[in-house]
N, C-alpha and C. Protein backbone atom coordinates (compact mmCIF):
# COMPACT_ATOMS: atom_id res chain seq x y z
N MET A 1 -18.38 -2.27 -7.33
CA MET A 1 -17.04 -2.84 -6.62
C MET A 1 -17.61 -4.05 -5.83
N ASP A 2 -16.81 -5.15 -5.82
CA ASP A 2 -17.18 -6.38 -4.95
C ASP A 2 -15.75 -6.86 -4.35
N TYR A 3 -16.00 -7.67 -3.56
CA TYR A 3 -14.93 -8.43 -2.84
C TYR A 3 -13.65 -8.86 -3.60
N ALA A 4 -14.26 -9.46 -4.95
CA ALA A 4 -13.22 -10.13 -5.79
C ALA A 4 -12.46 -8.80 -6.28
N ASP A 5 -12.99 -7.78 -6.85
CA ASP A 5 -12.23 -6.75 -7.21
C ASP A 5 -11.08 -6.12 -6.20
N ASP A 6 -11.65 -6.05 -4.97
CA ASP A 6 -10.99 -5.61 -3.93
C ASP A 6 -9.72 -6.51 -3.75
N LEU A 7 -9.91 -7.82 -3.75
CA LEU A 7 -8.97 -8.66 -3.74
C LEU A 7 -7.92 -8.73 -4.72
N VAL A 8 -8.24 -8.59 -5.97
CA VAL A 8 -7.44 -8.21 -7.16
C VAL A 8 -6.45 -7.02 -6.95
N MET A 9 -7.16 -6.08 -6.52
CA MET A 9 -6.06 -4.79 -6.08
C MET A 9 -5.38 -5.00 -5.00
N LYS A 10 -5.79 -5.68 -4.01
CA LYS A 10 -4.53 -6.02 -2.91
C LYS A 10 -3.51 -6.77 -3.35
N THR A 11 -4.03 -7.92 -4.27
CA THR A 11 -2.71 -8.71 -4.70
C THR A 11 -2.06 -7.94 -5.64
N LYS A 12 -2.43 -7.06 -6.51
CA LYS A 12 -1.46 -6.27 -7.23
C LYS A 12 -0.58 -5.47 -6.39
N ILE A 13 -1.15 -4.63 -5.57
CA ILE A 13 -0.38 -3.87 -4.88
C ILE A 13 0.68 -4.55 -3.89
N LYS A 14 0.32 -5.75 -3.17
CA LYS A 14 1.17 -6.45 -2.53
C LYS A 14 2.30 -6.96 -3.47
N ALA A 15 2.05 -7.42 -4.58
CA ALA A 15 2.88 -7.88 -5.64
C ALA A 15 4.12 -6.78 -6.03
N LYS A 16 3.49 -5.69 -6.22
CA LYS A 16 4.24 -4.52 -6.60
C LYS A 16 5.13 -4.04 -5.55
N LEU A 17 4.88 -4.35 -4.12
CA LEU A 17 5.72 -3.94 -3.04
C LEU A 17 6.50 -5.04 -2.95
N LEU A 18 6.27 -6.06 -3.09
CA LEU A 18 7.14 -7.25 -3.02
C LEU A 18 8.32 -7.22 -4.02
N ILE A 19 8.25 -6.77 -5.25
CA ILE A 19 9.43 -6.74 -6.18
C ILE A 19 10.10 -5.46 -6.23
N ASN A 20 9.52 -4.43 -5.37
CA ASN A 20 10.36 -3.04 -5.48
C ASN A 20 11.52 -3.41 -4.46
N LYS A 21 12.52 -3.42 -4.87
CA LYS A 21 13.81 -3.46 -3.92
C LYS A 21 13.94 -2.35 -2.88
N ASP A 22 13.31 -1.23 -3.14
CA ASP A 22 13.47 -0.12 -2.32
C ASP A 22 12.56 0.17 -1.21
N ILE A 23 11.67 -0.98 -1.02
CA ILE A 23 10.66 -1.20 -0.09
C ILE A 23 10.75 -2.24 0.71
N PHE A 24 10.68 -2.16 2.07
CA PHE A 24 10.75 -3.38 2.96
C PHE A 24 9.50 -3.57 3.18
N ASN A 25 8.84 -4.60 2.20
CA ASN A 25 7.47 -4.86 2.11
C ASN A 25 6.79 -5.54 3.22
N LEU A 26 7.66 -6.20 4.18
CA LEU A 26 7.10 -7.08 5.27
C LEU A 26 6.66 -6.04 6.57
N ASN A 27 6.91 -4.76 6.29
CA ASN A 27 6.53 -3.62 7.32
C ASN A 27 5.07 -3.20 6.90
N TYR A 28 4.47 -3.67 5.84
CA TYR A 28 3.16 -3.16 5.44
C TYR A 28 1.91 -4.28 5.44
N SER A 29 1.06 -3.77 5.85
CA SER A 29 -0.36 -4.46 5.76
C SER A 29 -1.29 -3.65 4.81
N VAL A 30 -1.86 -4.40 3.89
CA VAL A 30 -2.68 -3.90 2.73
C VAL A 30 -4.24 -4.13 2.79
N GLU A 31 -5.18 -3.43 3.03
CA GLU A 31 -6.45 -3.90 3.00
C GLU A 31 -7.07 -2.96 1.95
N VAL A 32 -8.05 -3.80 1.35
CA VAL A 32 -8.95 -2.90 0.23
C VAL A 32 -10.41 -3.09 0.70
N VAL A 33 -11.06 -2.08 0.75
CA VAL A 33 -12.61 -2.15 0.84
C VAL A 33 -13.15 -1.13 -0.06
N ASN A 34 -14.09 -1.58 -1.02
CA ASN A 34 -14.85 -0.79 -2.04
C ASN A 34 -13.87 0.00 -2.79
N GLY A 35 -12.78 -0.38 -3.17
CA GLY A 35 -11.92 0.48 -3.90
C GLY A 35 -10.90 1.38 -3.07
N VAL A 36 -11.00 1.32 -1.80
CA VAL A 36 -10.34 2.07 -1.10
C VAL A 36 -9.08 1.37 -0.32
N VAL A 37 -8.08 1.76 -0.60
CA VAL A 37 -6.62 1.30 0.12
C VAL A 37 -6.26 1.66 1.44
N TYR A 38 -6.53 0.91 2.37
CA TYR A 38 -5.87 1.16 3.83
C TYR A 38 -4.47 0.74 4.09
N LEU A 39 -3.63 1.56 4.16
CA LEU A 39 -2.14 1.10 4.37
C LEU A 39 -1.73 1.13 5.75
N ILE A 40 -1.11 0.09 6.37
CA ILE A 40 -1.00 0.11 7.82
C ILE A 40 0.60 -0.33 7.97
N GLY A 41 1.26 0.34 8.82
CA GLY A 41 2.83 -0.22 8.88
C GLY A 41 3.59 1.02 9.37
N ILE A 42 4.98 0.49 9.20
CA ILE A 42 6.12 1.33 9.50
C ILE A 42 7.24 1.64 8.21
N ALA A 43 7.03 2.89 7.80
CA ALA A 43 8.05 3.05 6.71
C ALA A 43 9.26 3.55 7.29
N GLN A 44 10.46 3.01 6.63
CA GLN A 44 11.87 3.22 6.82
C GLN A 44 12.21 4.70 6.75
N ASN A 45 11.59 5.23 5.95
CA ASN A 45 11.76 6.94 5.76
C ASN A 45 10.59 7.25 4.75
N LYS A 46 10.70 8.71 4.47
CA LYS A 46 9.51 9.41 3.83
C LYS A 46 9.48 8.95 2.34
N ASP A 47 10.75 8.72 1.81
CA ASP A 47 10.75 8.33 0.47
C ASP A 47 9.96 6.86 0.28
N GLU A 48 10.19 6.04 1.23
CA GLU A 48 9.83 4.66 1.16
C GLU A 48 8.20 4.81 1.05
N LEU A 49 7.74 5.75 1.98
CA LEU A 49 6.32 5.87 2.22
C LEU A 49 5.81 6.42 0.99
N ASP A 50 6.27 7.37 0.35
CA ASP A 50 5.84 7.98 -0.85
C ASP A 50 5.75 6.99 -1.94
N ARG A 51 6.73 6.11 -2.03
CA ARG A 51 6.85 4.90 -3.29
C ARG A 51 5.47 4.10 -2.84
N VAL A 52 5.32 3.71 -1.68
CA VAL A 52 4.30 2.68 -1.35
C VAL A 52 2.82 3.29 -1.70
N ILE A 53 2.67 4.66 -1.17
CA ILE A 53 1.40 5.42 -1.64
C ILE A 53 1.34 5.59 -3.01
N ASN A 54 2.28 5.76 -3.91
CA ASN A 54 2.38 6.03 -5.25
C ASN A 54 1.90 4.82 -5.99
N ILE A 55 2.48 3.62 -5.56
CA ILE A 55 2.11 2.37 -6.23
C ILE A 55 0.70 1.93 -5.83
N SER A 56 0.18 2.30 -4.67
CA SER A 56 -1.27 1.99 -4.41
C SER A 56 -2.13 2.89 -5.16
N GLU A 57 -1.92 4.18 -5.38
CA GLU A 57 -2.58 5.10 -6.00
C GLU A 57 -2.70 4.79 -7.51
N ASN A 58 -1.59 4.30 -8.01
CA ASN A 58 -1.42 3.94 -9.39
C ASN A 58 -2.12 2.50 -9.99
N THR A 59 -2.40 1.88 -8.91
CA THR A 59 -3.16 0.65 -9.19
C THR A 59 -4.44 0.64 -9.63
N TYR A 60 -4.90 0.05 -10.79
CA TYR A 60 -5.97 0.20 -11.54
C TYR A 60 -7.15 -0.22 -10.50
N GLY A 61 -8.06 0.61 -10.56
CA GLY A 61 -9.44 0.39 -9.69
C GLY A 61 -9.43 1.22 -8.48
N VAL A 62 -8.36 1.61 -8.03
CA VAL A 62 -8.06 2.31 -6.66
C VAL A 62 -8.89 3.55 -6.82
N LYS A 63 -9.75 3.96 -5.69
CA LYS A 63 -10.42 5.22 -5.79
C LYS A 63 -9.85 6.03 -4.81
N ASN A 64 -9.22 5.52 -3.76
CA ASN A 64 -8.60 6.43 -2.71
C ASN A 64 -7.65 5.63 -1.92
N VAL A 65 -6.61 6.15 -1.51
CA VAL A 65 -5.50 5.60 -0.48
C VAL A 65 -5.54 6.24 0.88
N ILE A 66 -5.92 5.53 2.07
CA ILE A 66 -5.69 6.24 3.20
C ILE A 66 -4.58 5.49 4.11
N SER A 67 -3.58 6.30 4.55
CA SER A 67 -2.47 5.72 4.98
C SER A 67 -2.46 6.03 6.59
N TYR A 68 -2.27 4.80 7.21
CA TYR A 68 -1.99 4.74 8.71
C TYR A 68 -0.55 4.31 9.00
N VAL A 69 0.44 4.38 7.98
CA VAL A 69 1.77 4.37 8.04
C VAL A 69 2.42 5.42 8.87
N ARG A 70 3.21 4.83 9.83
CA ARG A 70 4.24 5.80 10.56
C ARG A 70 5.56 5.71 10.07
N LEU A 71 6.38 6.81 10.22
CA LEU A 71 7.64 6.83 9.87
C LEU A 71 8.46 6.28 11.04
N LYS A 72 9.56 5.34 10.58
CA LYS A 72 10.36 4.79 11.68
C LYS A 72 11.24 5.83 12.41
N ASP A 73 11.55 6.84 12.02
CA ASP A 73 12.02 7.78 12.87
C ASP A 73 11.41 8.52 13.99
N ILE A 74 9.85 8.57 13.77
CA ILE A 74 9.16 9.23 14.60
C ILE A 74 8.78 8.40 15.74
N ILE A 75 8.87 7.03 15.79
CA ILE A 75 8.50 5.93 16.69
C ILE A 75 9.18 6.27 17.99
């Protein structure tokens, strides 16, 4: 893994979040380091969070997803 691979994964994930009408993509920050995706943000609900994690996990090259996302209802 190198920086270019991480950048490609990050770009793919951000694009998938952008085109998914069920995800408020502005609430999420995505970082990828050595194939590990770090999600940071606020999810509108559990379903949205599950969608974001699923998209991240199913992106080619991703080894692991670590979520620091909080649910809006809990804040």
